[in-house]
Amino acid sequence: MMAVLSINTDVGEGFGVWGVGDESALLAEVTAANIACGFHAGDPDILRRTCDTAAELGVSIGAQVSYRDLAGFGRRFIEVPPPTLVNDIVYQIGALQAFARIAGTEVTYVKAHGALYNAAARHEGHASAIVEAVGLVDPALPVLCQYRTRVWELAISAGLLPHAEVFVDRGYTDEGLLVARSHPDALLADPAAAAARAWEIVGTASVVSVDGIRTTVLPEQASAVALCVHSDTPGAVEIARETRKVLERNGSAPVPIGPER
């Protein structure tokens, strides 16, 4: 049986006068919105506006949680004590839940952002903080993360549902993790190539790394696969649109991400 597929993107990543433009064109092409919750980006006005737009378009809302790092856009590792990080994540999810409720919808999943996402692949304390926070708020919320990472393993052990996430527009290491953004092949910005690779990943459960090594990035029988298109990748709207077309042509139309209740 084919896994349930979704396409997600990071949105609402402005702050104050550094606002974001109209993201409705991108949100119209995806099925899930990872909304910044105020720690790496996002303020109350942006949270409310973004939740309203996602709700209007029938896009599921996910809490994109981060280190407390507005200055670094959440892309710097911060050695936060795990108990504090748990509370930081609970705080962020709760803020987004309030605005989602006002928009007539709800938060249906959680995904870490930037440095926290990458650190949780191996960092025991920070991976466990993500899992503990989600379990405290709502254990029915899926956690978007990469397969075989520490956060994936801990989520399963805790009885949570991880959704295996793959990246349509990013380069991979030989270990199946993301290469640094400074790498010359960090981004895949050609819409047709990105969409073709997305379908290849779904079909083979693997990806070719930037060094030419094929590596496994999905479970053999994944129940759910989340395909990410970063909103700040050049041509993001076209990449998401082409990816959606390829999935639909192959009989696997992407759907919103829902909680497991």
C-alpha atoms as a PDB file:
ATOM      1  CA  MET A   1       0.000   0.000   0.000  1.00  0.00           C
ATOM      2  CA  MET A   2       1.314   3.433  -0.960  1.00  0.00           C
ATOM      3  CA  ALA A   3       2.085   5.772   1.925  1.00  0.00           C
ATOM      4  CA  VAL A   4      -0.134   8.770   2.560  1.00  0.00           C
ATOM      5  CA  LEU A   5       1.706  11.752   1.089  1.00  0.00           C
ATOM      6  CA  SER A   6       1.691  15.423   2.033  1.00  0.00           C
ATOM      7  CA  ILE A   7       3.593  18.501   0.827  1.00  0.00           C
ATOM      8  CA  ASN A   8       4.658  20.978   3.500  1.00  0.00           C
ATOM      9  CA  THR A   9       6.359  24.348   3.488  1.00  0.00           C
ATOM     10  CA  ASP A  10       7.686  26.853   6.051  1.00  0.00           C
ATOM     11  CA  VAL A  11       5.601  30.019   6.267  1.00  0.00           C
ATOM     12  CA  GLY A  12       4.982  33.017   8.497  1.00  0.00           C
ATOM     13  CA  GLU A  13       8.702  33.615   8.869  1.00  0.00           C
ATOM     14  CA  GLY A  14       8.724  37.383   9.296  1.00  0.00           C
ATOM     15  CA  PHE A  15       8.873  39.561  12.396  1.00  0.00           C
ATOM     16  CA  GLY A  16       7.592  43.092  12.951  1.00  0.00           C
ATOM     17  CA  VAL A  17       8.622  45.400  10.116  1.00  0.00           C
ATOM     18  CA  TRP A  18      10.455  42.475   8.511  1.00  0.00           C
ATOM     19  CA  GLY A  19       7.145  41.056   7.459  1.00  0.00           C
ATOM     20  CA  VAL A  20       6.490  38.387   4.894  1.00  0.00           C
ATOM     21  CA  GLY A  21       4.632  38.951   1.651  1.00  0.00           C
ATOM     22  CA  ASP A  22       1.497  37.240   0.447  1.00  0.00           C
ATOM     23  CA  GLU A  23       2.172  33.509   0.794  1.00  0.00           C
ATOM     24  CA  SER A  24      -1.202  32.376  -0.547  1.00  0.00           C
ATOM     25  CA  ALA A  25       0.237  31.314  -3.920  1.00  0.00           C
ATOM     26  CA  LEU A  26       2.595  28.883  -2.206  1.00  0.00           C
ATOM     27  CA  LEU A  27       0.006  27.711   0.307  1.00  0.00           C
ATOM     28  CA  ALA A  28      -2.361  26.943  -2.583  1.00  0.00           C
ATOM     29  CA  GLU A  29       0.125  24.353  -3.883  1.00  0.00           C
ATOM     30  CA  VAL A  30       0.921  22.542  -0.613  1.00  0.00           C
ATOM     31  CA  THR A  31      -1.208  20.615   1.863  1.00  0.00           C
ATOM     32  CA  ALA A  32       0.527  21.512   5.138  1.00  0.00           C
ATOM     33  CA  ALA A  33       1.906  24.774   6.533  1.00  0.00           C
ATOM     34  CA  ASN A  34       4.780  24.783   9.024  1.00  0.00           C
ATOM     35  CA  ILE A  35       4.050  28.067  10.777  1.00  0.00           C
ATOM     36  CA  ALA A  36       6.791  29.852  12.728  1.00  0.00           C
ATOM     37  CA  CYS A  37       5.703  30.239  16.349  1.00  0.00           C
ATOM     38  CA  GLY A  38       7.648  33.319  17.413  1.00  0.00           C
ATOM     39  CA  PHE A  39      11.036  31.959  18.500  1.00  0.00           C
ATOM     40  CA  HIS A  40      12.928  32.052  15.192  1.00  0.00           C
ATOM     41  CA  ALA A  41      10.354  34.182  13.366  1.00  0.00           C
ATOM     42  CA  GLY A  42       6.697  35.094  13.529  1.00  0.00           C
ATOM     43  CA  ASP A  43       4.810  37.570  15.691  1.00  0.00           C
ATOM     44  CA  PRO A  44       1.152  37.627  16.790  1.00  0.00           C
ATOM     45  CA  ASP A  45      -0.020  39.534  13.713  1.00  0.00           C
ATOM     46  CA  ILE A  46       1.789  37.154  11.375  1.00  0.00           C
ATOM     47  CA  LEU A  47       0.629  34.057  13.258  1.00  0.00           C
ATOM     48  CA  ARG A  48      -2.982  35.142  13.020  1.00  0.00           C
ATOM     49  CA  ARG A  49      -2.795  36.147   9.370  1.00  0.00           C
ATOM     50  CA  THR A  50      -1.001  32.951   8.352  1.00  0.00           C
ATOM     51  CA  CYS A  51      -3.423  30.712  10.248  1.00  0.00           C
ATOM     52  CA  ASP A  52      -6.351  32.519   8.595  1.00  0.00           C
ATOM     53  CA  THR A  53      -4.871  31.991   5.118  1.00  0.00           C
ATOM     54  CA  ALA A  54      -4.084  28.324   5.741  1.00  0.00           C
ATOM     55  CA  ALA A  55      -7.587  27.712   7.068  1.00  0.00           C
ATOM     56  CA  GLU A  56      -9.187  29.421   4.058  1.00  0.00           C
ATOM     57  CA  LEU A  57      -7.179  27.215   1.688  1.00  0.00           C
ATOM     58  CA  GLY A  58      -7.826  23.966   3.584  1.00  0.00           C
ATOM     59  CA  VAL A  59      -4.147  23.541   4.432  1.00  0.00           C
ATOM     60  CA  SER A  60      -3.262  21.774   7.680  1.00  0.00           C
ATOM     61  CA  ILE A  61      -1.375  23.793  10.296  1.00  0.00           C
ATOM     62  CA  GLY A  62       1.808  22.571  11.954  1.00  0.00           C
ATOM     63  CA  ALA A  63       3.802  24.196  14.744  1.00  0.00           C
ATOM     64  CA  GLN A  64       7.311  24.917  13.511  1.00  0.00           C
ATOM     65  CA  VAL A  65       9.196  25.074  16.802  1.00  0.00           C
ATOM     66  CA  SER A  66      12.695  26.427  17.235  1.00  0.00           C
ATOM     67  CA  TYR A  67      15.433  27.486  19.570  1.00  0.00           C
ATOM     68  CA  ARG A  68      14.862  30.981  20.999  1.00  0.00           C
ATOM     69  CA  ASP A  69      16.936  32.652  18.281  1.00  0.00           C
ATOM     70  CA  LEU A  70      15.328  35.550  16.424  1.00  0.00           C
ATOM     71  CA  ALA A  71      18.713  37.082  15.615  1.00  0.00           C
ATOM     72  CA  GLY A  72      19.975  33.901  13.997  1.00  0.00           C
ATOM     73  CA  PHE A  73      16.666  32.822  12.429  1.00  0.00           C
ATOM     74  CA  GLY A  74      16.886  29.597  14.408  1.00  0.00           C
ATOM     75  CA  ARG A  75      19.828  28.379  12.373  1.00  0.00           C
ATOM     76  CA  ARG A  76      22.342  28.404  15.244  1.00  0.00           C
ATOM     77  CA  PHE A  77      22.711  25.529  17.678  1.00  0.00           C
ATOM     78  CA  ILE A  78      21.956  26.646  21.239  1.00  0.00           C
ATOM     79  CA  GLU A  79      22.831  24.461  24.220  1.00  0.00           C
ATOM     80  CA  VAL A  80      19.472  24.780  25.960  1.00  0.00           C
ATOM     81  CA  PRO A  81      18.938  22.533  29.001  1.00  0.00           C
ATOM     82  CA  PRO A  82      16.414  19.890  27.895  1.00  0.00           C
ATOM     83  CA  PRO A  83      13.811  20.760  30.578  1.00  0.00           C
ATOM     84  CA  THR A  84      13.851  24.383  29.424  1.00  0.00           C
ATOM     85  CA  LEU A  85      13.640  23.309  25.792  1.00  0.00           C
ATOM     86  CA  VAL A  86      10.574  21.205  26.610  1.00  0.00           C
ATOM     87  CA  ASN A  87       8.878  24.290  28.030  1.00  0.00           C
ATOM     88  CA  ASP A  88       9.984  26.435  25.088  1.00  0.00           C
ATOM     89  CA  ILE A  89       8.392  23.972  22.662  1.00  0.00           C
ATOM     90  CA  VAL A  90       5.185  23.650  24.694  1.00  0.00           C
ATOM     91  CA  TYR A  91       4.961  27.454  24.749  1.00  0.00           C
ATOM     92  CA  GLN A  92       5.316  27.710  20.974  1.00  0.00           C
ATOM     93  CA  ILE A  93       2.753  25.002  20.226  1.00  0.00           C
ATOM     94  CA  GLY A  94       0.301  26.637  22.616  1.00  0.00           C
ATOM     95  CA  ALA A  95       0.646  30.048  20.975  1.00  0.00           C
ATOM     96  CA  LEU A  96      -0.099  28.612  17.546  1.00  0.00           C
ATOM     97  CA  GLN A  97      -2.986  26.540  18.879  1.00  0.00           C
ATOM     98  CA  ALA A  98      -4.705  29.732  20.037  1.00  0.00           C
ATOM     99  CA  PHE A  99      -4.471  31.405  16.641  1.00  0.00           C
ATOM    100  CA  ALA A 100      -5.451  28.223  14.808  1.00  0.00           C
ATOM    101  CA  ARG A 101      -8.557  27.980  16.981  1.00  0.00           C
ATOM    102  CA  ILE A 102      -9.475  31.599  16.180  1.00  0.00           C
ATOM    103  CA  ALA A 103      -9.169  30.706  12.476  1.00  0.00           C
ATOM    104  CA  GLY A 104     -11.593  27.823  12.963  1.00  0.00           C
ATOM    105  CA  THR A 105      -9.034  25.062  12.688  1.00  0.00           C
ATOM    106  CA  GLU A 106      -6.357  23.370  14.820  1.00  0.00           C
ATOM    107  CA  VAL A 107      -2.686  22.492  14.993  1.00  0.00           C
ATOM    108  CA  THR A 108      -2.379  18.992  13.562  1.00  0.00           C
ATOM    109  CA  TYR A 109       1.367  18.249  13.730  1.00  0.00           C
ATOM    110  CA  VAL A 110       4.723  19.518  14.974  1.00  0.00           C
ATOM    111  CA  LYS A 111       8.021  20.038  13.173  1.00  0.00           C
ATOM    112  CA  ALA A 112      11.280  21.453  14.476  1.00  0.00           C
ATOM    113  CA  HIS A 113      12.972  24.245  12.535  1.00  0.00           C
ATOM    114  CA  GLY A 114      16.529  24.809  11.377  1.00  0.00           C
ATOM    115  CA  ALA A 115      19.288  24.049  13.868  1.00  0.00           C
ATOM    116  CA  LEU A 116      16.913  22.320  16.274  1.00  0.00           C
ATOM    117  CA  TYR A 117      15.712  20.007  13.502  1.00  0.00           C
ATOM    118  CA  ASN A 118      19.260  19.126  12.522  1.00  0.00           C
ATOM    119  CA  ALA A 119      20.530  18.784  16.097  1.00  0.00           C
ATOM    120  CA  ALA A 120      17.664  16.485  17.071  1.00  0.00           C
ATOM    121  CA  ALA A 121      18.876  13.994  14.482  1.00  0.00           C
ATOM    122  CA  ARG A 122      21.682  13.054  16.888  1.00  0.00           C
ATOM    123  CA  HIS A 123      21.411  15.116  20.098  1.00  0.00           C
ATOM    124  CA  GLU A 124      19.789  12.895  22.721  1.00  0.00           C
ATOM    125  CA  GLY A 125      18.651  15.695  25.016  1.00  0.00           C
ATOM    126  CA  HIS A 126      17.133  17.900  22.348  1.00  0.00           C
ATOM    127  CA  ALA A 127      15.498  15.011  20.511  1.00  0.00           C
ATOM    128  CA  SER A 128      13.933  13.857  23.760  1.00  0.00           C
ATOM    129  CA  ALA A 129      12.751  17.412  24.503  1.00  0.00           C
ATOM    130  CA  ILE A 130      10.800  17.543  21.238  1.00  0.00           C
ATOM    131  CA  VAL A 131       9.208  14.182  21.929  1.00  0.00           C
ATOM    132  CA  GLU A 132       8.382  15.011  25.548  1.00  0.00           C
ATOM    133  CA  ALA A 133       6.832  18.363  24.640  1.00  0.00           C
ATOM    134  CA  VAL A 134       4.584  16.863  21.975  1.00  0.00           C
ATOM    135  CA  GLY A 135       3.553  14.083  24.336  1.00  0.00           C
ATOM    136  CA  LEU A 136       2.625  16.618  26.998  1.00  0.00           C
ATOM    137  CA  VAL A 137       0.590  18.844  24.665  1.00  0.00           C
ATOM    138  CA  ASP A 138      -1.125  16.180  22.554  1.00  0.00           C
ATOM    139  CA  PRO A 139       0.358  12.719  21.857  1.00  0.00           C
ATOM    140  CA  ALA A 140      -1.946  12.407  18.838  1.00  0.00           C
ATOM    141  CA  LEU A 141       0.087  15.050  16.968  1.00  0.00           C
ATOM    142  CA  PRO A 142       2.428  13.562  14.360  1.00  0.00           C
ATOM    143  CA  VAL A 143       6.073  14.664  14.514  1.00  0.00           C
ATOM    144  CA  LEU A 144       7.713  15.441  11.175  1.00  0.00           C
ATOM    145  CA  CYS A 145      11.321  14.254  11.215  1.00  0.00           C
ATOM    146  CA  GLN A 146      13.843  12.294   9.199  1.00  0.00           C
ATOM    147  CA  TYR A 147      13.870   8.521   9.251  1.00  0.00           C
ATOM    148  CA  ARG A 148      16.465   6.775  11.460  1.00  0.00           C
ATOM    149  CA  THR A 149      17.301   9.933  13.388  1.00  0.00           C
ATOM    150  CA  ARG A 150      17.295  10.023  17.173  1.00  0.00           C
ATOM    151  CA  VAL A 151      14.072  12.014  17.323  1.00  0.00           C
ATOM    152  CA  TRP A 152      12.443   9.404  15.054  1.00  0.00           C
ATOM    153  CA  GLU A 153      13.534   6.571  17.337  1.00  0.00           C
ATOM    154  CA  LEU A 154      12.471   8.337  20.525  1.00  0.00           C
ATOM    155  CA  ALA A 155       9.086   9.280  19.052  1.00  0.00           C
ATOM    156  CA  ILE A 156       8.354   5.645  18.263  1.00  0.00           C
ATOM    157  CA  SER A 157       9.500   4.542  21.726  1.00  0.00           C
ATOM    158  CA  ALA A 158       7.177   7.132  23.293  1.00  0.00           C
ATOM    159  CA  GLY A 159       4.185   5.941  21.298  1.00  0.00           C
ATOM    160  CA  LEU A 160       4.052   9.019  19.061  1.00  0.00           C
ATOM    161  CA  LEU A 161       3.609   8.886  15.308  1.00  0.00           C
ATOM    162  CA  PRO A 162       6.583  10.219  13.348  1.00  0.00           C
ATOM    163  CA  HIS A 163       5.986  11.151   9.718  1.00  0.00           C
ATOM    164  CA  ALA A 164       9.067  10.414   7.637  1.00  0.00           C
ATOM    165  CA  GLU A 165      10.104  13.699   6.068  1.00  0.00           C
ATOM    166  CA  VAL A 166      12.072  14.087   2.853  1.00  0.00           C
ATOM    167  CA  PHE A 167      13.227  17.250   1.147  1.00  0.00           C
ATOM    168  CA  VAL A 168      12.332  18.002  -2.440  1.00  0.00           C
ATOM    169  CA  ASP A 169      14.719  20.944  -2.759  1.00  0.00           C
ATOM    170  CA  ARG A 170      17.736  20.103  -0.596  1.00  0.00           C
ATOM    171  CA  GLY A 171      20.979  18.163  -1.037  1.00  0.00           C
ATOM    172  CA  TYR A 172      21.671  15.091   1.086  1.00  0.00           C
ATOM    173  CA  THR A 173      24.746  13.661   2.767  1.00  0.00           C
ATOM    174  CA  ASP A 174      25.779  10.026   2.357  1.00  0.00           C
ATOM    175  CA  GLU A 175      24.094   9.366   5.737  1.00  0.00           C
ATOM    176  CA  GLY A 176      20.740  10.627   4.490  1.00  0.00           C
ATOM    177  CA  LEU A 177      20.856  13.928   6.372  1.00  0.00           C
ATOM    178  CA  LEU A 178      20.837  17.435   4.907  1.00  0.00           C
ATOM    179  CA  VAL A 179      24.051  19.027   3.719  1.00  0.00           C
ATOM    180  CA  ALA A 180      24.924  22.433   5.160  1.00  0.00           C
ATOM    181  CA  ARG A 181      23.350  25.375   3.386  1.00  0.00           C
ATOM    182  CA  SER A 182      26.858  26.584   2.584  1.00  0.00           C
ATOM    183  CA  HIS A 183      27.441  23.521   0.369  1.00  0.00           C
ATOM    184  CA  PRO A 184      27.389  24.347  -3.371  1.00  0.00           C
ATOM    185  CA  ASP A 185      24.760  21.638  -3.947  1.00  0.00           C
ATOM    186  CA  ALA A 186      22.629  22.513  -0.924  1.00  0.00           C
ATOM    187  CA  LEU A 187      19.642  23.530  -3.057  1.00  0.00           C
ATOM    188  CA  LEU A 188      17.826  21.887  -5.945  1.00  0.00           C
ATOM    189  CA  ALA A 189      15.944  24.765  -7.537  1.00  0.00           C
ATOM    190  CA  ASP A 190      14.871  23.304 -10.907  1.00  0.00           C
ATOM    191  CA  PRO A 191      11.141  22.505 -10.541  1.00  0.00           C
ATOM    192  CA  ALA A 192      11.087  19.556 -12.946  1.00  0.00           C
ATOM    193  CA  ALA A 193      14.206  17.982 -11.458  1.00  0.00           C
ATOM    194  CA  ALA A 194      12.974  18.489  -7.900  1.00  0.00           C
ATOM    195  CA  ALA A 195       9.573  16.982  -8.662  1.00  0.00           C
ATOM    196  CA  ALA A 196      11.113  14.001 -10.446  1.00  0.00           C
ATOM    197  CA  ARG A 197      13.405  13.380  -7.487  1.00  0.00           C
ATOM    198  CA  ALA A 198      10.466  13.624  -5.093  1.00  0.00           C
ATOM    199  CA  TRP A 199       8.661  10.835  -6.924  1.00  0.00           C
ATOM    200  CA  GLU A 200      11.846   8.772  -7.114  1.00  0.00           C
ATOM    201  CA  ILE A 201      12.278   9.063  -3.334  1.00  0.00           C
ATOM    202  CA  VAL A 202       8.695   7.958  -2.765  1.00  0.00           C
ATOM    203  CA  GLY A 203       9.147   5.002  -5.104  1.00  0.00           C
ATOM    204  CA  THR A 204      12.589   3.828  -3.986  1.00  0.00           C
ATOM    205  CA  ALA A 205      12.700   5.025  -0.342  1.00  0.00           C
ATOM    206  CA  SER A 206      16.131   6.414  -1.143  1.00  0.00           C
ATOM    207  CA  VAL A 207      17.939   9.446  -2.511  1.00  0.00           C
ATOM    208  CA  VAL A 208      21.256  10.042  -4.248  1.00  0.00           C
ATOM    209  CA  SER A 209      23.559  12.126  -2.059  1.00  0.00           C
ATOM    210  CA  VAL A 210      25.596  15.108  -3.280  1.00  0.00           C
ATOM    211  CA  ASP A 211      28.536  12.667  -3.542  1.00  0.00           C
ATOM    212  CA  GLY A 212      26.602  10.210  -5.716  1.00  0.00           C
ATOM    213  CA  ILE A 213      25.814   7.631  -3.028  1.00  0.00           C
ATOM    214  CA  ARG A 214      22.294   6.202  -2.876  1.00  0.00           C
ATOM    215  CA  THR A 215      21.082   6.185   0.700  1.00  0.00           C
ATOM    216  CA  THR A 216      17.851   5.073   2.378  1.00  0.00           C
ATOM    217  CA  VAL A 217      15.672   7.921   3.677  1.00  0.00           C
ATOM    218  CA  LEU A 218      12.309   6.202   4.219  1.00  0.00           C
ATOM    219  CA  PRO A 219      11.128   3.105   6.074  1.00  0.00           C
ATOM    220  CA  GLU A 220      10.462   0.101   3.856  1.00  0.00           C
ATOM    221  CA  GLN A 221       6.716   0.405   4.467  1.00  0.00           C
ATOM    222  CA  ALA A 222       6.185   4.016   5.470  1.00  0.00           C
ATOM    223  CA  SER A 223       2.608   4.824   6.437  1.00  0.00           C
ATOM    224  CA  ALA A 224       3.070   8.568   5.887  1.00  0.00           C
ATOM    225  CA  VAL A 225       5.636  10.608   3.969  1.00  0.00           C
ATOM    226  CA  ALA A 226       5.959  14.389   4.278  1.00  0.00           C
ATOM    227  CA  LEU A 227       7.628  16.110   1.321  1.00  0.00           C
ATOM    228  CA  CYS A 228       9.074  19.521   2.197  1.00  0.00           C
ATOM    229  CA  VAL A 229       9.549  22.468  -0.153  1.00  0.00           C
ATOM    230  CA  HIS A 230      11.297  25.390   1.564  1.00  0.00           C
ATOM    231  CA  SER A 231       9.534  28.697   0.994  1.00  0.00           C
ATOM    232  CA  ASP A 232      12.852  30.541   0.604  1.00  0.00           C
ATOM    233  CA  THR A 233      14.157  28.274  -2.153  1.00  0.00           C
ATOM    234  CA  PRO A 234      14.153  30.195  -5.465  1.00  0.00           C
ATOM    235  CA  GLY A 235      11.077  29.144  -7.434  1.00  0.00           C
ATOM    236  CA  ALA A 236       9.402  27.530  -4.415  1.00  0.00           C
ATOM    237  CA  VAL A 237       5.878  27.988  -5.810  1.00  0.00           C
ATOM    238  CA  GLU A 238       6.827  26.341  -9.087  1.00  0.00           C
ATOM    239  CA  ILE A 239       8.640  23.500  -7.286  1.00  0.00           C
ATOM    240  CA  ALA A 240       5.597  22.803  -5.110  1.00  0.00           C
ATOM    241  CA  ARG A 241       3.233  23.033  -8.085  1.00  0.00           C
ATOM    242  CA  GLU A 242       5.305  20.666 -10.216  1.00  0.00           C
ATOM    243  CA  THR A 243       5.748  18.217  -7.341  1.00  0.00           C
ATOM    244  CA  ARG A 244       2.008  18.139  -6.760  1.00  0.00           C
ATOM    245  CA  LYS A 245       1.368  17.540 -10.467  1.00  0.00           C
ATOM    246  CA  VAL A 246       3.812  14.625 -10.554  1.00  0.00           C
ATOM    247  CA  LEU A 247       2.238  13.021  -7.487  1.00  0.00           C
ATOM    248  CA  GLU A 248      -1.263  13.439  -8.905  1.00  0.00           C
ATOM    249  CA  ARG A 249      -0.268  12.023 -12.306  1.00  0.00           C
ATOM    250  CA  ASN A 250       0.991   8.939 -10.504  1.00  0.00           C
ATOM    251  CA  GLY A 251      -2.215   8.486  -8.527  1.00  0.00           C
ATOM    252  CA  SER A 252      -0.851   9.773  -5.206  1.00  0.00           C
ATOM    253  CA  ALA A 253      -2.508  13.127  -4.635  1.00  0.00           C
ATOM    254  CA  PRO A 254      -1.069  14.781  -1.489  1.00  0.00           C
ATOM    255  CA  VAL A 255      -3.377  15.410   1.483  1.00  0.00           C
ATOM    256  CA  PRO A 256      -3.289  17.560   4.629  1.00  0.00           C
ATOM    257  CA  ILE A 257      -1.606  16.152   7.743  1.00  0.00           C
ATOM    258  CA  GLY A 258      -4.090  15.128  10.397  1.00  0.00           C
ATOM    259  CA  PRO A 259      -3.692  14.113  14.048  1.00  0.00           C
ATOM    260  CA  GLU A 260      -4.024  10.442  14.986  1.00  0.00           C
ATOM    261  CA  ARG A 261      -7.070  10.410  17.237  1.00  0.00           C
END
